[in-house]
Amino acid sequence: MISVEHLTKQYGAATVVDDVSMTIERNSITVIVGTSGSGKSTLLRMINRLVEPTRGRVLIDGRDTSAEAPYLLRRRIGYAIQGHGLFPHRTVRENIATVPRLLGWDEARIGARVEELLEVFQLDPATYAQAFPHQLSGGQQQRVGVARALAAEPSVLLMDEPFGALDPIIRAKAQEDLLDIQRRYGTTIVLVTHDMDEAFHLGDRVAVMSLGRVLQYDRPAVLLTRPADPFVARMTGVSDRAMRLLSLTTAGEAALPGASEGPTVAASASLREVLSELLWRGAESATVTDAEGTPRGRLTVAAILARGRPS
């Protein structure tokens, strides 16, 4: 668990982060959103002391981070940034092995970890371990960047707009990769973005920042249905909040008993995706199937629309 207590950062007369307190639960994804200059990246960097706070403190599992040497703290906290930050003259294997080598891992353990992570990110070790960053696509570089951040098995992973430079198709795949990784390793992730759709798709909880302060910190559904003030309402999207609310629930979660003669949709699809499919096909209902193709119920347009209203 990460406890942020009255965290403040000032540069001269300017207050960039203003008395922020929040609790980040273990094994969760927390997303920090805000406009440019809201203080979200500075807040993230104070967790691993890339930026030293003016006041306040950060505790990880009850331990004050100020009691530890910054370089030691950073070795046990993964950090991934936009643009990936890979060392251009090191191979993929050498990039991923950076922190484990600093920690003194033996070569056999390093090799096993590198191979495990490459396979997790669907990068064949035989093909990619000895490749250099310039030989990779943008999406592959991004995956290697996250693999490097995870290499030393950190319990905490910080991500500063890691997908911002990716095109929409690669970005969507990168987001799914991250969700799979979080489920696999149980890593506590804190991610900064300016993209509300990304925040709602990834975040168990979302913090909305403006002018250095956290205006609201809660589950995505609460931000949509009970925004704390007009700024939060604008950030979360007044015009399309119903569609965003539908994106928070999967077809499997909302499926009704019975069968349908309409199209088939995956249980993992969001209600937003299912509604779009039904409208496109001119159908009133769909059959929901699991990963094996077994029917698990049905969904109707009326049932989906009912889910797009605040309870």
Protein backbone atom coordinates (compact mmCIF):
# COMPACT_ATOMS: atom_id res chain seq x y z
CA MET A 1 0.00 0.00 0.00
CA ILE A 2 1.18 3.54 -0.80
CA SER A 3 0.17 6.37 1.53
CA VAL A 4 0.62 9.92 0.27
CA GLU A 5 0.37 12.32 3.20
CA HIS A 6 0.03 16.09 2.69
CA LEU A 7 2.48 16.04 -0.19
CA THR A 8 3.50 19.49 -1.42
CA LYS A 9 6.05 20.69 -3.96
CA GLN A 10 7.00 24.32 -4.39
CA TYR A 11 9.42 25.97 -6.77
CA GLY A 12 9.97 29.42 -5.33
CA ALA A 13 6.56 31.06 -5.05
CA ALA A 14 4.91 28.50 -7.36
CA THR A 15 3.11 25.55 -5.75
CA VAL A 16 3.07 22.66 -8.23
CA VAL A 17 1.57 20.02 -5.91
CA ASP A 18 -0.58 21.36 -3.10
CA ASP A 19 -1.22 19.31 0.06
CA VAL A 20 -2.17 16.03 -1.63
CA SER A 21 -3.20 13.04 0.48
CA MET A 22 -4.34 9.71 -0.96
CA THR A 23 -4.12 5.98 -0.29
CA ILE A 24 -3.23 3.61 -3.11
CA GLU A 25 -4.27 0.04 -2.43
CA ARG A 26 -1.91 -2.88 -2.98
CA ASN A 27 -2.36 -4.84 -6.25
CA SER A 28 -4.43 -2.07 -7.86
CA ILE A 29 -4.09 0.36 -10.75
CA THR A 30 -4.44 4.03 -9.84
CA VAL A 31 -4.57 6.60 -12.63
CA ILE A 32 -3.81 10.29 -12.18
CA VAL A 33 -5.39 12.62 -14.74
CA GLY A 34 -5.43 16.34 -15.25
CA THR A 35 -4.74 19.12 -17.71
CA SER A 36 -1.22 20.17 -18.63
CA GLY A 37 0.48 21.77 -15.63
CA SER A 38 -1.90 20.24 -13.09
CA GLY A 39 0.97 18.62 -11.16
CA LYS A 40 0.24 14.99 -12.01
CA SER A 41 3.73 14.06 -13.23
CA THR A 42 5.37 15.87 -10.32
CA LEU A 43 3.15 13.96 -7.89
CA LEU A 44 4.14 10.67 -9.54
CA ARG A 45 7.86 11.48 -9.38
CA MET A 46 7.70 12.31 -5.70
CA ILE A 47 6.73 8.68 -5.01
CA ASN A 48 10.19 7.45 -6.07
CA ARG A 49 11.91 10.72 -5.14
CA LEU A 50 12.90 11.76 -8.62
CA VAL A 51 11.41 14.98 -7.24
CA GLU A 52 11.92 15.71 -3.56
CA PRO A 53 8.83 17.01 -1.74
CA THR A 54 8.85 20.40 -0.06
CA ARG A 55 6.51 19.07 2.63
CA GLY A 56 4.68 15.85 3.38
CA ARG A 57 5.77 12.26 2.97
CA VAL A 58 5.20 9.02 1.08
CA LEU A 59 4.98 5.65 2.82
CA ILE A 60 5.22 2.33 0.99
CA ASP A 61 3.95 -0.56 3.11
CA GLY A 62 4.27 1.70 6.14
CA ARG A 63 7.88 2.66 5.45
CA ASP A 64 8.75 6.34 4.95
CA THR A 65 10.55 6.63 1.60
CA SER A 66 12.65 9.52 2.94
CA ALA A 67 14.44 7.05 5.23
CA GLU A 68 15.96 5.24 2.24
CA ALA A 69 18.68 6.36 -0.15
CA PRO A 70 16.98 7.57 -3.35
CA TYR A 71 18.99 5.28 -5.65
CA LEU A 72 18.08 2.23 -3.57
CA LEU A 73 14.41 3.26 -3.51
CA ARG A 74 14.35 3.61 -7.31
CA ARG A 75 15.84 0.17 -7.82
CA ARG A 76 12.84 -1.42 -6.13
CA ILE A 77 10.22 0.74 -7.86
CA GLY A 78 9.67 0.20 -11.59
CA TYR A 79 9.47 3.34 -13.72
CA ALA A 80 8.28 3.61 -17.33
CA ILE A 81 7.95 6.80 -19.34
CA GLN A 82 6.64 8.01 -22.68
CA GLY A 83 9.25 7.32 -25.35
CA HIS A 84 10.44 4.26 -23.41
CA GLY A 85 13.90 5.67 -22.54
CA LEU A 86 15.75 2.59 -23.79
CA PHE A 87 19.53 2.72 -23.97
CA PRO A 88 20.15 2.84 -27.75
CA HIS A 89 23.52 1.05 -27.70
CA ARG A 90 22.36 -1.82 -25.49
CA THR A 91 20.52 -4.88 -26.74
CA VAL A 92 17.00 -5.68 -25.60
CA ARG A 93 18.43 -8.22 -23.17
CA GLU A 94 20.90 -5.69 -21.76
CA ASN A 95 18.19 -3.05 -21.41
CA ILE A 96 15.87 -5.38 -19.49
CA ALA A 97 18.76 -6.63 -17.33
CA THR A 98 19.79 -3.13 -16.21
CA VAL A 99 18.33 -3.08 -12.68
CA PRO A 100 18.76 -6.79 -11.88
CA ARG A 101 22.46 -6.38 -12.72
CA LEU A 102 22.71 -3.34 -10.42
CA LEU A 103 21.12 -5.45 -7.69
CA GLY A 104 23.75 -8.13 -8.13
CA TRP A 105 21.61 -10.91 -9.59
CA ASP A 106 23.58 -13.80 -11.05
CA GLU A 107 23.58 -14.26 -14.81
CA ALA A 108 21.40 -17.37 -14.74
CA ARG A 109 18.66 -15.55 -12.81
CA ILE A 110 18.92 -12.52 -15.10
CA GLY A 111 18.70 -14.68 -18.20
CA ALA A 112 15.63 -16.51 -16.90
CA ARG A 113 13.88 -13.25 -16.00
CA VAL A 114 14.64 -11.65 -19.37
CA GLU A 115 13.32 -14.69 -21.22
CA GLU A 116 10.19 -14.81 -19.03
CA LEU A 117 9.36 -11.16 -19.67
CA LEU A 118 10.01 -11.37 -23.41
CA GLU A 119 7.63 -14.31 -23.63
CA VAL A 120 5.02 -12.50 -21.51
CA PHE A 121 5.19 -9.54 -23.91
CA GLN A 122 5.06 -11.88 -26.93
CA LEU A 123 8.58 -11.06 -28.10
CA ASP A 124 10.38 -14.25 -29.13
CA PRO A 125 13.67 -14.31 -27.13
CA ALA A 126 15.51 -15.97 -30.02
CA THR A 127 14.55 -13.07 -32.27
CA TYR A 128 14.53 -10.05 -29.96
CA ALA A 129 16.96 -10.61 -27.06
CA GLN A 130 19.98 -9.51 -29.12
CA ALA A 131 18.16 -6.83 -31.12
CA PHE A 132 18.83 -3.12 -30.59
CA PRO A 133 16.05 -0.57 -29.92
CA HIS A 134 16.31 0.99 -33.41
CA GLN A 135 15.43 -2.41 -34.89
CA LEU A 136 12.08 -2.50 -33.05
CA SER A 137 8.73 -0.92 -33.87
CA GLY A 138 7.31 1.72 -31.53
CA GLY A 139 5.00 -0.82 -29.92
CA GLN A 140 7.84 -3.28 -29.40
CA GLN A 141 10.01 -0.58 -27.84
CA GLN A 142 7.16 0.28 -25.48
CA ARG A 143 6.85 -3.37 -24.41
CA VAL A 144 10.59 -3.60 -23.78
CA GLY A 145 10.41 -0.40 -21.72
CA VAL A 146 7.71 -1.87 -19.48
CA ALA A 147 9.59 -5.19 -19.31
CA ARG A 148 12.69 -3.32 -18.11
CA ALA A 149 10.62 -1.54 -15.45
CA LEU A 150 9.33 -4.93 -14.25
CA ALA A 151 12.63 -6.81 -14.48
CA ALA A 152 13.61 -6.65 -10.80
CA GLU A 153 10.15 -7.86 -9.71
CA PRO A 154 9.09 -4.53 -8.17
CA SER A 155 5.94 -4.38 -6.08
CA VAL A 156 5.28 -0.85 -7.40
CA LEU A 157 5.35 0.35 -11.03
CA LEU A 158 5.13 4.06 -11.88
CA MET A 159 4.17 5.01 -15.45
CA ASP A 160 4.26 8.57 -16.81
CA GLU A 161 2.11 8.74 -19.97
CA PRO A 162 3.74 5.53 -21.26
CA PHE A 163 1.38 5.10 -24.23
CA GLY A 164 1.11 8.71 -25.36
CA ALA A 165 3.33 8.34 -28.44
CA LEU A 166 1.63 5.18 -29.76
CA ASP A 167 -0.95 5.03 -32.53
CA PRO A 168 -4.50 4.01 -31.46
CA ILE A 169 -4.24 0.33 -32.47
CA ILE A 170 -0.87 -0.24 -30.78
CA ARG A 171 -2.00 1.81 -27.79
CA ALA A 172 -5.06 -0.39 -27.27
CA LYS A 173 -2.86 -3.49 -27.38
CA ALA A 174 -0.42 -1.92 -24.92
CA GLN A 175 -3.26 -1.20 -22.49
CA GLU A 176 -4.43 -4.82 -22.65
CA ASP A 177 -0.85 -6.00 -22.13
CA LEU A 178 -0.65 -3.85 -19.01
CA LEU A 179 -3.89 -5.26 -17.59
CA ASP A 180 -2.64 -8.80 -18.25
CA ILE A 181 0.69 -8.03 -16.57
CA GLN A 182 -1.03 -6.52 -13.54
CA ARG A 183 -3.24 -9.59 -13.15
CA ARG A 184 -0.27 -11.92 -13.61
CA TYR A 185 2.13 -10.27 -11.15
CA GLY A 186 -0.19 -8.35 -8.82
CA THR A 187 1.91 -5.22 -9.25
CA THR A 188 0.66 -1.96 -7.73
CA ILE A 189 0.59 0.49 -10.65
CA VAL A 190 0.33 4.28 -10.57
CA LEU A 191 -0.11 5.75 -14.05
CA VAL A 192 -0.32 9.33 -15.29
CA THR A 193 -2.33 10.17 -18.41
CA HIS A 194 -4.39 12.98 -19.90
CA ASP A 195 -6.67 10.51 -21.70
CA MET A 196 -9.90 9.92 -19.77
CA ASP A 197 -10.88 6.85 -21.80
CA GLU A 198 -7.52 5.31 -20.93
CA ALA A 199 -7.95 6.28 -17.27
CA PHE A 200 -11.38 4.65 -17.03
CA HIS A 201 -10.27 1.55 -18.92
CA LEU A 202 -7.21 0.92 -16.76
CA GLY A 203 -7.91 2.46 -13.38
CA ASP A 204 -9.42 0.80 -10.34
CA ARG A 205 -9.43 4.34 -8.97
CA VAL A 206 -8.80 7.66 -10.69
CA ALA A 207 -7.49 10.91 -9.21
CA VAL A 208 -8.47 14.14 -11.01
CA MET A 209 -5.98 16.98 -10.51
CA SER A 210 -6.14 20.71 -11.20
CA LEU A 211 -3.72 23.45 -10.15
CA GLY A 212 -1.75 21.04 -7.98
CA ARG A 213 -4.69 19.69 -5.99
CA VAL A 214 -6.58 16.41 -6.16
CA LEU A 215 -10.21 17.41 -6.65
CA GLN A 216 -11.64 13.89 -6.50
CA TYR A 217 -10.19 10.41 -6.05
CA ASP A 218 -12.58 7.52 -6.51
CA ARG A 219 -13.77 4.66 -8.68
CA PRO A 220 -14.50 5.59 -12.32
CA ALA A 221 -18.24 5.00 -11.96
CA VAL A 222 -18.39 7.43 -9.02
CA LEU A 223 -16.50 10.11 -10.95
CA LEU A 224 -19.00 9.77 -13.80
CA THR A 225 -22.19 9.67 -11.76
CA ARG A 226 -21.22 11.86 -8.79
CA PRO A 227 -18.52 14.35 -9.87
CA ALA A 228 -17.28 16.52 -7.00
CA ASP A 229 -17.43 19.78 -8.95
CA PRO A 230 -17.93 21.17 -12.48
CA PHE A 231 -14.24 20.73 -13.38
CA VAL A 232 -14.36 17.01 -12.61
CA ALA A 233 -17.59 16.75 -14.63
CA ARG A 234 -15.92 18.42 -17.62
CA MET A 235 -12.81 16.24 -17.32
CA THR A 236 -14.81 13.03 -17.17
CA GLY A 237 -16.91 14.08 -20.16
CA VAL A 238 -20.40 15.58 -19.80
CA SER A 239 -21.37 14.90 -23.42
CA ASP A 240 -20.37 11.21 -23.51
CA ARG A 241 -20.56 10.13 -19.87
CA ALA A 242 -23.29 7.57 -20.65
CA MET A 243 -21.00 5.85 -23.17
CA ARG A 244 -18.10 5.95 -20.73
CA LEU A 245 -20.29 4.43 -18.05
CA LEU A 246 -21.15 1.59 -20.43
CA SER A 247 -17.45 1.04 -21.09
CA LEU A 248 -16.93 0.12 -17.41
CA THR A 249 -19.07 -3.04 -17.55
CA THR A 250 -18.43 -6.16 -19.62
CA ALA A 251 -21.01 -8.17 -21.49
CA GLY A 252 -20.31 -11.13 -19.22
CA GLU A 253 -21.08 -9.09 -16.13
CA ALA A 254 -24.37 -7.79 -17.52
CA ALA A 255 -25.60 -10.87 -19.43
CA LEU A 256 -29.21 -11.90 -18.92
CA PRO A 257 -30.43 -15.52 -18.85
CA GLY A 258 -31.60 -17.02 -22.11
CA ALA A 259 -30.60 -17.14 -25.76
CA SER A 260 -30.73 -14.69 -28.66
CA GLU A 261 -30.99 -15.03 -32.42
CA GLY A 262 -28.84 -11.92 -32.87
CA PRO A 263 -25.07 -11.65 -33.34
CA THR A 264 -22.52 -13.21 -31.00
CA VAL A 265 -20.40 -10.99 -28.73
CA ALA A 266 -17.54 -11.89 -26.40
CA ALA A 267 -18.13 -11.84 -22.66
CA SER A 268 -15.02 -9.65 -22.36
CA ALA A 269 -16.47 -6.92 -24.63
CA SER A 270 -17.68 -3.75 -22.95
CA LEU A 271 -21.35 -2.78 -23.08
CA ARG A 272 -20.30 0.22 -25.14
CA GLU A 273 -18.81 -2.12 -27.76
CA VAL A 274 -21.84 -4.40 -27.71
CA LEU A 275 -24.26 -1.49 -28.16
CA SER A 276 -22.23 -0.22 -31.10
CA GLU A 277 -22.34 -3.68 -32.70
CA LEU A 278 -26.10 -4.03 -32.21
CA LEU A 279 -26.82 -0.57 -33.62
CA TRP A 280 -24.59 -1.24 -36.63
CA ARG A 281 -26.32 -4.54 -37.36
CA GLY A 282 -29.80 -3.24 -36.62
CA ALA A 283 -30.28 -6.01 -34.05
CA GLU A 284 -32.16 -5.85 -30.75
CA SER A 285 -30.18 -8.51 -28.89
CA ALA A 286 -26.95 -10.53 -28.90
CA THR A 287 -25.71 -13.84 -27.53
CA VAL A 288 -22.84 -13.52 -25.04
CA THR A 289 -20.15 -16.21 -25.30
CA ASP A 290 -17.10 -16.98 -23.18
CA ALA A 291 -13.52 -17.46 -24.44
CA GLU A 292 -14.35 -21.04 -25.48
CA GLY A 293 -17.38 -19.92 -27.50
CA THR A 294 -19.91 -21.30 -25.02
CA PRO A 295 -23.13 -19.21 -24.72
CA ARG A 296 -23.36 -17.46 -21.35
CA GLY A 297 -26.57 -15.47 -21.81
CA ARG A 298 -27.89 -12.61 -23.86
CA LEU A 299 -27.99 -8.83 -23.95
CA THR A 300 -30.68 -6.53 -25.31
CA VAL A 301 -30.43 -2.93 -26.41
CA ALA A 302 -32.90 -1.95 -23.67
CA ALA A 303 -30.86 -3.69 -20.97
CA ILE A 304 -27.67 -1.99 -22.14
CA LEU A 305 -29.30 1.46 -22.24
CA ALA A 306 -30.51 0.98 -18.68
CA ARG A 307 -26.88 0.48 -17.63
CA GLY A 308 -25.95 3.83 -19.14
CA ARG A 309 -27.94 5.76 -16.55
CA PRO A 310 -26.73 6.63 -13.03
CA SER A 311 -28.25 4.38 -10.39
